[in-house]
Protein backbone atom coordinates (compact mmCIF):
# COMPACT_ATOMS: atom_id res chain seq x y z
CA MET A 1 99.34 37.95 -4.62
CA THR A 2 100.42 34.11 -4.32
CA SER A 3 104.43 33.69 -4.20
CA ASP A 4 106.54 31.30 -6.85
CA VAL A 5 107.46 29.01 -3.13
CA ASP A 6 104.03 28.65 -2.75
CA LYS A 7 102.74 28.09 -5.70
CA LEU A 8 105.80 25.01 -5.19
CA LEU A 9 104.05 24.05 -2.07
CA ILE A 10 100.54 23.87 -3.65
CA VAL A 11 102.15 21.79 -6.15
CA LEU A 12 104.28 19.21 -3.85
CA GLY A 13 100.90 19.09 -1.64
CA HIS A 14 99.22 18.28 -4.31
CA VAL A 15 101.29 15.67 -5.54
CA SER A 16 101.97 14.28 -1.88
CA LEU A 17 97.60 14.66 -2.47
CA GLY A 18 96.84 12.34 -5.56
CA PHE A 19 99.87 9.35 -4.52
CA PHE A 20 98.42 8.56 -1.42
CA VAL A 21 95.04 8.51 -3.05
CA PHE A 22 96.95 6.52 -5.90
CA ALA A 23 98.23 4.29 -2.82
CA VAL A 24 94.32 3.87 -1.17
CA ALA A 25 92.80 3.02 -4.03
CA LEU A 26 95.30 0.07 -4.70
CA GLY A 27 95.10 -1.07 -0.93
CA LEU A 28 98.54 -0.58 -0.42
CA PRO A 29 99.21 -0.82 3.17
CA PHE A 30 101.04 2.11 4.57
CA ASN A 31 105.25 0.61 3.75
CA GLY A 32 103.76 0.57 0.74
CA LEU A 33 102.19 4.15 0.58
CA VAL A 34 105.63 5.75 2.18
CA ASN A 35 107.92 4.03 -0.43
CA SER A 36 105.41 5.56 -3.46
CA LEU A 37 106.10 8.93 -2.34
CA ARG A 38 109.60 7.78 -1.46
CA SER A 39 109.94 6.91 -5.19
CA VAL A 40 108.45 10.26 -6.58
CA PHE A 41 109.90 12.38 -4.28
CA PHE A 42 113.12 11.04 -5.16
CA PHE A 43 113.37 11.84 -8.96
CA THR A 44 111.57 14.89 -8.01
CA ALA A 45 114.73 15.78 -6.29
CA VAL A 46 117.09 15.15 -8.57
CA TYR A 47 116.07 16.31 -11.71
CA ALA A 48 115.25 19.92 -9.92
CA MET A 49 119.19 19.69 -9.44
CA MET A 50 119.93 18.87 -12.74
CA VAL A 51 116.98 21.54 -14.33
CA LEU A 52 118.55 24.16 -12.01
CA ALA A 53 122.15 23.18 -13.29
CA LEU A 54 120.91 23.29 -16.87
CA ASN A 55 119.38 26.89 -15.59
CA LEU A 56 122.46 28.61 -15.36
CA HIS A 57 123.92 27.28 -18.67
CA TRP A 58 120.63 28.02 -20.18
CA GLY A 59 118.17 30.43 -18.55
CA TYR A 60 120.59 32.45 -17.32
CA THR A 61 123.44 32.94 -20.70
CA GLY A 62 121.23 31.84 -23.37
CA VAL A 63 123.99 28.13 -24.00
CA PHE A 64 122.16 25.54 -25.79
CA ASN A 65 123.78 22.45 -23.51
CA ILE A 66 122.26 19.60 -24.62
CA GLY A 67 125.47 16.96 -23.28
CA ILE A 68 123.69 16.99 -19.64
CA ALA A 69 123.96 13.45 -19.66
CA ALA A 70 127.84 13.23 -20.21
CA PHE A 71 128.63 15.27 -17.67
CA MET A 72 126.35 13.26 -15.22
CA ALA A 73 128.52 10.44 -16.21
CA VAL A 74 131.85 12.19 -15.53
CA GLY A 75 131.36 13.11 -12.07
CA VAL A 76 129.42 9.70 -10.87
CA TYR A 77 131.91 7.20 -12.56
CA ALA A 78 135.45 9.97 -11.22
CA MET A 79 133.50 9.32 -7.51
CA ALA A 80 133.19 5.73 -8.23
CA ILE A 81 137.12 5.90 -9.73
CA LEU A 82 138.36 7.73 -7.38
CA SER A 83 136.40 5.59 -4.24
CA GLY A 84 136.14 2.54 -5.20
CA PRO A 85 138.57 -0.22 -3.12
CA THR A 86 141.86 -1.02 -4.22
CA GLU A 87 141.38 -4.51 -4.88
CA ALA A 88 139.21 -5.31 -7.94
CA GLY A 89 135.72 -6.68 -6.80
CA VAL A 90 132.52 -7.89 -8.08
CA ALA A 91 132.67 -5.38 -11.32
CA GLY A 92 136.07 -6.69 -11.80
CA VAL A 93 137.93 -3.36 -11.37
CA ALA A 94 139.85 -1.53 -8.93
CA GLY A 95 139.63 1.95 -7.55
CA LEU A 96 142.55 5.15 -5.94
CA GLY A 97 141.06 3.84 -2.27
CA LEU A 98 139.87 6.98 -1.75
CA PRO A 99 137.75 8.69 1.37
CA LEU A 100 134.48 9.41 -0.42
CA PRO A 101 133.79 13.16 1.06
CA VAL A 102 137.84 13.59 -1.35
CA ALA A 103 135.51 11.48 -4.19
CA ILE A 104 132.71 13.44 -4.29
CA VAL A 105 134.70 15.63 -5.00
CA GLY A 106 136.86 14.65 -7.11
CA GLY A 107 133.85 13.72 -9.68
CA VAL A 108 132.78 17.62 -10.02
CA LEU A 109 135.81 18.85 -10.37
CA ALA A 110 136.38 15.99 -13.28
CA ALA A 111 133.05 17.35 -14.09
CA ALA A 112 133.18 20.56 -14.62
CA PHE A 113 137.68 20.51 -16.11
CA VAL A 114 135.71 17.88 -18.68
CA GLY A 115 133.32 20.78 -19.35
CA LEU A 116 136.41 23.27 -19.80
CA LEU A 117 137.39 20.79 -22.45
CA ALA A 118 134.26 20.53 -24.74
CA ALA A 119 132.95 24.39 -23.68
CA LEU A 120 136.76 25.43 -25.58
CA PRO A 121 136.04 25.43 -28.91
CA ALA A 122 132.76 24.61 -29.23
CA LEU A 123 131.67 28.16 -27.74
CA ARG A 124 132.46 30.25 -30.66
CA LEU A 125 130.03 28.71 -32.27
CA ARG A 126 125.95 29.89 -32.16
CA ALA A 127 123.40 28.02 -30.27
CA ASP A 128 122.65 25.39 -32.73
CA TYR A 129 125.76 24.34 -33.56
CA PHE A 130 126.76 24.46 -29.98
CA ALA A 131 124.19 22.16 -29.93
CA ILE A 132 125.08 19.19 -32.08
CA VAL A 133 128.57 19.91 -30.42
CA THR A 134 127.49 19.21 -26.99
CA VAL A 135 125.14 15.87 -27.43
CA ALA A 136 128.06 14.55 -30.47
CA PHE A 137 129.83 15.15 -26.90
CA SER A 138 127.77 13.28 -24.96
CA GLU A 139 128.33 10.00 -27.03
CA ILE A 140 132.04 9.72 -27.22
CA VAL A 141 131.54 10.40 -23.66
CA ARG A 142 128.94 6.77 -23.51
CA LEU A 143 130.89 5.32 -26.03
CA THR A 144 134.08 5.74 -23.81
CA LEU A 145 132.87 4.76 -20.92
CA THR A 146 131.55 1.33 -22.92
CA SER A 147 134.36 0.25 -24.82
CA GLN A 148 137.34 -2.35 -23.75
CA THR A 149 139.43 0.13 -24.12
CA PHE A 150 138.71 1.62 -21.08
CA GLN A 151 137.70 -1.26 -19.02
CA GLU A 152 140.58 -1.99 -17.23
CA PHE A 153 143.36 0.28 -17.58
CA THR A 154 147.05 1.81 -16.32
CA ILE A 155 146.97 5.40 -15.89
CA PRO A 156 149.74 6.52 -17.72
CA PHE A 157 153.44 7.50 -14.66
CA THR A 158 151.45 5.73 -11.96
CA GLY A 159 151.48 2.38 -12.57
CA ILE A 160 147.96 2.27 -11.20
CA GLU A 161 145.50 0.08 -12.50
CA THR A 162 141.59 1.05 -12.91
CA GLY A 163 138.94 1.67 -15.10
CA THR A 164 135.68 1.91 -16.01
CA GLY A 165 133.89 -1.53 -16.63
CA GLY A 166 132.80 -1.20 -19.64
CA ALA A 167 129.70 -2.09 -20.51
CA GLY A 168 128.82 -4.27 -17.71
CA GLY A 169 129.68 -1.43 -15.59
CA ILE A 170 131.05 -0.17 -12.64
CA SER A 171 130.43 -0.85 -8.57
CA MET A 172 129.89 2.50 -6.83
CA PRO A 173 130.80 3.55 -2.64
CA VAL A 174 127.91 1.70 -0.57
CA ASN A 175 125.00 4.43 0.19
CA PRO A 176 126.53 6.45 3.55
CA ILE A 177 123.13 6.99 4.98
CA ARG A 178 122.86 3.74 5.51
CA HIS A 179 125.96 3.11 7.11
CA LEU A 180 123.97 5.21 9.55
CA PHE A 181 121.31 2.55 10.19
CA PHE A 182 123.66 -0.64 9.55
CA ASP A 183 126.70 -1.87 10.60
CA GLY A 184 127.44 -4.23 8.07
CA GLY A 185 124.86 -6.40 7.99
CA ASP A 186 123.61 -5.97 11.30
CA PRO A 187 121.40 -2.32 12.29
CA ALA A 188 123.52 0.24 14.12
CA LEU A 189 122.56 2.23 17.10
CA LEU A 190 120.10 4.05 15.27
CA GLY A 191 118.80 1.27 13.40
CA SER A 192 118.55 -0.76 15.92
CA VAL A 193 116.41 2.30 18.37
CA LEU A 194 114.06 3.09 14.89
CA PHE A 195 113.61 -0.16 13.22
CA PRO A 196 111.31 -1.72 16.19
CA VAL A 197 109.73 1.55 16.89
CA PHE A 198 108.42 1.94 13.19
CA ARG A 199 107.92 -2.35 12.41
CA ASP A 200 105.63 -2.54 14.96
CA LEU A 201 103.98 0.90 15.14
CA ARG A 202 100.32 1.06 15.37
CA VAL A 203 97.82 3.15 16.30
CA GLN A 204 94.49 1.61 17.87
CA LEU A 205 91.09 4.65 16.91
CA ILE A 206 88.82 2.53 18.31
CA PRO A 207 89.76 0.20 21.23
CA PRO A 208 87.85 -2.51 22.03
CA GLY A 209 84.06 -2.90 23.15
CA SER A 210 83.66 0.93 21.49
CA SER A 211 80.12 2.25 21.28
CA TRP A 212 78.67 5.33 19.71
CA LEU A 213 76.58 7.24 22.42
CA GLY A 214 77.06 4.48 24.20
CA ILE A 215 73.82 2.67 22.27
CA VAL A 216 75.74 1.64 18.78
CA PRO A 217 78.79 -0.76 19.30
CA LEU A 218 81.92 -0.23 17.03
CA PRO A 219 84.05 -2.70 15.41
CA GLU A 220 87.91 -1.80 16.96
CA PHE A 221 90.14 -0.24 14.31
CA THR A 222 94.31 -0.31 14.17
CA LEU A 223 95.83 1.47 12.45
CA ASP A 224 99.56 -0.39 10.84
CA LEU A 225 102.05 2.12 10.42
CA ALA A 226 104.09 -0.08 10.01
CA VAL A 227 108.01 0.67 7.75
CA ASN A 228 110.43 -1.57 7.17
CA PRO A 229 114.33 -0.41 7.31
CA PRO A 230 114.85 -0.65 2.98
CA VAL A 231 112.33 1.90 2.50
CA ILE A 232 113.75 3.86 6.69
CA VAL A 233 117.17 4.17 4.29
CA GLY A 234 115.71 5.38 1.63
CA VAL A 235 113.10 8.02 3.40
CA ALA A 236 116.25 9.18 4.98
CA TYR A 237 118.30 9.87 2.30
CA LEU A 238 115.16 12.23 0.85
CA PHE A 239 117.08 14.27 3.15
CA VAL A 240 120.08 14.13 1.99
CA LEU A 241 118.38 15.10 -1.47
CA ALA A 242 116.17 18.43 -0.35
CA GLY A 243 119.08 19.40 1.59
CA GLY A 244 121.16 18.99 -2.44
CA VAL A 245 118.57 21.09 -4.26
CA ALA A 246 118.24 23.46 -1.36
CA LEU A 247 122.27 24.36 -1.91
CA PHE A 248 122.08 23.81 -5.59
CA TYR A 249 118.81 26.63 -5.61
CA VAL A 250 120.57 29.15 -3.17
CA LEU A 251 123.74 28.69 -5.61
CA LEU A 252 122.22 29.45 -8.69
CA VAL A 253 120.18 32.71 -6.23
CA ARG A 254 123.14 33.85 -5.10
CA VAL A 255 125.04 34.08 -8.65
CA GLY A 256 122.17 35.54 -10.99
CA ASN A 257 122.31 38.02 -7.85
CA SER A 258 125.29 39.34 -8.11
CA PRO A 259 127.18 41.14 -10.88
CA PHE A 260 128.85 38.21 -12.23
CA GLY A 261 124.81 36.25 -12.26
CA ARG A 262 123.63 40.10 -15.01
CA VAL A 263 126.81 40.26 -16.65
CA LEU A 264 125.09 36.02 -17.56
CA LYS A 265 121.87 37.55 -18.34
CA ALA A 266 123.14 40.34 -20.70
CA ILE A 267 124.92 37.09 -22.81
CA ARG A 268 121.63 35.63 -23.01
CA GLU A 269 119.93 38.60 -24.05
CA ASP A 270 122.55 40.12 -26.31
CA GLU A 271 125.84 38.83 -26.34
CA GLN A 272 127.20 42.24 -28.86
CA VAL A 273 125.98 44.68 -26.83
CA ALA A 274 127.46 42.91 -23.73
CA GLU A 275 130.87 42.58 -25.53
CA ALA A 276 130.39 46.40 -26.29
CA LEU A 277 130.41 47.66 -22.59
CA GLY A 278 134.01 45.57 -22.69
CA LYS A 279 132.61 42.87 -21.63
CA ASP A 280 134.85 39.14 -22.28
CA THR A 281 131.77 37.06 -23.34
CA ARG A 282 134.02 34.15 -24.46
CA ARG A 283 135.49 34.10 -20.76
CA PHE A 284 132.40 34.71 -18.47
CA LYS A 285 130.79 31.80 -20.79
CA ILE A 286 133.41 29.20 -20.52
CA VAL A 287 133.20 29.51 -16.44
CA ALA A 288 129.37 29.51 -16.53
CA PHE A 289 129.84 25.96 -18.31
CA MET A 290 132.12 25.14 -16.16
CA PHE A 291 130.21 26.28 -13.32
CA GLY A 292 127.12 24.19 -14.39
CA CYS A 293 128.59 20.68 -15.58
CA GLY A 294 130.11 20.48 -12.15
CA LEU A 295 126.79 21.33 -10.77
CA MET A 296 125.36 18.11 -13.26
CA GLY A 297 128.50 15.95 -11.87
CA LEU A 298 127.93 16.00 -8.58
CA GLY A 299 123.29 15.77 -9.39
CA GLY A 300 124.71 12.28 -11.17
CA ILE A 301 126.14 11.30 -8.20
CA MET A 302 123.76 12.40 -5.87
CA TRP A 303 121.51 10.32 -8.34
CA HIS A 304 123.16 7.17 -8.55
CA GLY A 305 124.68 7.27 -4.95
CA SER A 306 122.47 5.95 -3.24
CA GLN A 307 122.55 2.80 -6.13
CA GLY A 308 125.82 1.05 -5.41
CA PHE A 309 126.16 0.54 -9.34
CA THR A 310 125.95 2.32 -12.05
CA ASN A 311 126.47 1.93 -16.00
CA PRO A 312 126.82 3.48 -18.83
CA GLY A 313 123.02 2.79 -20.47
CA ALA A 314 121.80 4.94 -17.65
CA PHE A 315 123.25 7.76 -19.28
CA ARG A 316 121.84 7.75 -22.64
CA PRO A 317 120.45 11.27 -24.53
CA ILE A 318 116.98 11.03 -23.60
CA ILE A 319 118.14 11.50 -19.71
CA THR A 320 118.73 15.03 -21.49
CA PHE A 321 115.60 15.10 -22.84
CA TYR A 322 113.83 14.15 -20.51
CA VAL A 323 116.02 17.18 -18.30
CA TRP A 324 115.55 19.85 -20.93
CA VAL A 325 111.55 18.00 -20.78
CA ALA A 326 111.12 19.70 -17.05
CA LEU A 327 112.91 22.83 -17.63
CA ILE A 328 110.52 24.11 -20.71
CA ILE A 329 107.87 23.08 -18.10
CA GLY A 330 109.37 24.87 -14.80
CA GLY A 331 110.31 27.95 -17.34
CA ALA A 332 113.49 29.06 -18.00
CA GLY A 333 115.78 31.99 -15.71
CA SER A 334 113.51 30.28 -13.04
CA ASN A 335 115.14 29.13 -10.02
CA THR A 336 111.46 28.55 -8.61
CA GLY A 337 110.37 27.36 -11.92
CA SER A 338 112.95 24.41 -12.28
CA VAL A 339 112.51 22.50 -9.36
CA LEU A 340 108.85 22.73 -9.93
CA GLY A 341 109.24 21.71 -13.25
CA GLY A 342 111.76 18.67 -11.83
CA ALA A 343 108.37 18.07 -9.49
CA LEU A 344 105.61 18.20 -11.89
CA PHE A 345 107.68 16.22 -14.75
CA ALA A 346 108.61 13.72 -11.43
CA SER A 347 105.24 12.85 -11.01
CA LEU A 348 103.16 13.84 -13.76
CA LEU A 349 104.78 12.56 -16.47
CA TRP A 350 107.40 9.66 -15.37
CA GLU A 351 105.60 8.21 -12.02
CA GLY A 352 102.37 9.20 -12.43
CA PRO A 353 101.17 6.75 -15.71
CA THR A 354 102.66 3.27 -13.72
CA TYR A 355 100.33 4.18 -11.11
CA LEU A 356 97.26 4.86 -13.04
CA ARG A 357 97.91 1.86 -14.89
CA ARG A 358 97.83 0.00 -11.65
CA VAL A 359 94.72 1.19 -10.29
CA VAL A 360 92.99 1.21 -13.60
CA THR A 361 93.29 -2.67 -14.14
CA ASN A 362 92.86 -2.72 -10.81
CA TYR A 363 89.09 -2.19 -10.60
CA VAL A 364 88.20 -2.73 -14.47
CA SER A 365 89.39 -6.32 -16.45
CA PHE A 366 90.35 -6.38 -19.84
CA GLY A 367 90.65 -10.06 -20.85
CA ASP A 368 92.60 -9.80 -23.78
CA THR A 369 95.56 -6.84 -24.89
CA PRO A 370 95.32 -6.44 -28.64
CA ASN A 371 99.62 -7.42 -29.32
CA ALA A 372 99.56 -4.58 -32.13
CA PHE A 373 98.02 -0.60 -32.36
CA PRO A 374 95.65 -1.61 -34.93
CA ALA A 375 94.72 -4.36 -33.97
CA ALA A 376 94.11 -2.35 -30.84
CA VAL A 377 92.34 0.80 -32.89
CA SER A 378 89.90 -1.63 -34.77
CA PRO A 379 86.96 -2.68 -32.34
CA PHE A 380 87.45 0.89 -31.42
CA LEU A 381 86.72 2.94 -34.51
CA GLU A 382 83.79 0.22 -33.87
CA GLY A 383 82.57 1.17 -30.45
CA GLU A 384 84.43 -0.48 -28.10
CA VAL A 385 86.59 1.45 -25.83
CA LEU A 386 87.77 -0.81 -24.22
CA PRO A 387 90.27 -2.81 -26.06
CA PHE A 388 91.95 0.00 -26.91
CA LEU A 389 92.44 1.30 -22.79
CA ALA A 390 94.23 -1.51 -22.60
CA PHE A 391 96.77 -1.49 -25.24
CA LEU A 392 97.22 1.84 -24.55
CA LEU A 393 97.83 1.27 -20.72
CA ASP A 394 100.06 -2.21 -21.22
CA ASN A 395 102.28 0.33 -23.65
CA VAL A 396 102.39 3.02 -20.79
CA SER A 397 106.18 3.29 -21.62
CA ALA A 398 105.66 4.39 -24.92
CA LEU A 399 102.28 6.04 -23.40
CA ARG A 400 104.50 8.40 -21.37
CA PHE A 401 106.30 9.72 -24.61
CA ILE A 402 103.54 10.60 -26.45
CA LEU A 403 102.03 12.72 -22.89
CA VAL A 404 105.68 14.39 -23.09
CA GLY A 405 104.91 15.98 -27.00
CA VAL A 406 101.43 16.65 -26.41
CA LEU A 407 102.27 18.79 -22.89
CA LEU A 408 105.29 20.63 -25.39
CA VAL A 409 103.17 21.61 -27.70
CA TRP A 410 100.46 22.75 -25.79
CA LEU A 411 103.54 24.81 -23.59
CA MET A 412 105.00 26.37 -26.96
CA GLN A 413 101.67 27.41 -28.47
CA ARG A 414 100.00 28.29 -25.07
CA ARG A 415 102.98 29.54 -22.22
CA PRO A 416 106.02 29.94 -24.08
CA GLU A 417 107.94 31.07 -20.90
CA GLY A 418 106.93 27.86 -19.25
CA LEU A 419 104.76 28.75 -15.76
CA LEU A 420 107.45 30.47 -13.96
CA GLY A 421 109.54 31.30 -16.62
CA HIS A 422 109.78 34.92 -18.19
CA ARG A 423 110.58 36.98 -15.14
CA LYS A 424 111.55 40.88 -14.85
CA GLU A 425 115.12 41.44 -14.47
CA GLU A 426 115.97 44.46 -12.26
CA ALA A 427 119.49 45.67 -13.80
CA ALA A 428 120.17 47.19 -10.79
CA ALA A 429 121.09 46.12 -7.48
CA VAL A 430 119.43 49.80 -6.56
CA PRO A 431 116.42 51.38 -7.62
CA LEU A 432 117.15 53.85 -9.94
CA ALA A 433 113.18 55.32 -10.41
CA ARG A 434 113.64 59.71 -9.96
CA PRO A 435 111.07 60.12 -6.40
CA ALA A 436 108.36 62.28 -7.25
CA THR A 437 109.04 65.95 -6.03
CA ARG A 438 105.96 68.88 -5.94
CA SER A 439 106.55 69.91 -9.60
CA ASP A 440 105.29 66.46 -10.50
CA GLY A 441 102.41 66.35 -9.04
CA GLY A 442 102.56 64.25 -6.27
CA GLY A 443 105.67 64.03 -3.08
CA GLY A 444 104.84 66.78 -1.16
CA ASP A 445 103.87 66.74 2.31
CA GLU A 446 100.49 69.01 3.01
């Protein structure tokens, strides 16, 4: 029987094959193919991390958190402020000038602390009301980051001036992976070794003067495998993201198999029973919520840490919705399902429609595209499909929401537990079944 990990690897393989076909259909060079796969696996990794963090809240504990974007924002902005230069830069705000590792830890702790502040009053509420509080809290955080009041401010008792940059955003530290390849604007040691190799990488499959069986002459064919330096840096950052996904996965597995994790699952199934067994369920939920919020902050840092800049618009509530969709696809309670959901969402629902539009428009000439839905539907009702198809492809961003809605309806009807959800949990770490005896009709030596 195929294991969950095998299913995940099969899906990732099919995703790679699908986008390889897209790249070939578009006539992209090898550099374009690599960059396309880099983009898909970037979003796969960051969504996988966010879904794993949410799985701790909903899949393990049953806490309905719709404020994911807020905790991402707190982690990212705290890291940016802590690591920013002490003199105001391009974004117009100064930071504290701390080393990047210290700033990352500070961002994670800030997200966890804000999670504590949100959890203390809100966890007294039940499911739906808690969800309302968290989504409202998410908007409070985003609007606070946008506010001119906090665009520049002085930290009390220290006299240190810093700020969020307001709606204009804030500068982020330079991607640390870039420092491995560049020293300022010039290639560093690693870059000076790899860039020339990949810039001129070509494989001659059919040399000049070749023939088949010495009879039929074959044309010369050289495979161009050149890759540009920015793509190389992006691919290298994927290994960092893969390490982040592995870290999140291992942490969640360890938590799930621990006594602490079994209490969380007991709370998820029936909180009153867990309380009757003497467990302080509120304390367990607060700790789990803080831990998950810290992971969301770290995931946000790894997501936006490669971009050099961010703004409050990057943390709209729609991000929370996307993470929930990915969790529903993969299945709550399953860590492998969380990664699978992130991969399917990033490839099929996020990047896939855009590439499909490029492929179709590359081979089909639609003429004038209708600029309104009625103008597209009217010819369709008369049997003309191309204007309607052109309208759909021209509005692929809106079509993405329709696809998400259709998929959610289908999952709710056909597989509400998700693709890898609804796992049977073992209540004890050791088998408790009574071994068979002779009186049971088996188990004896003959």
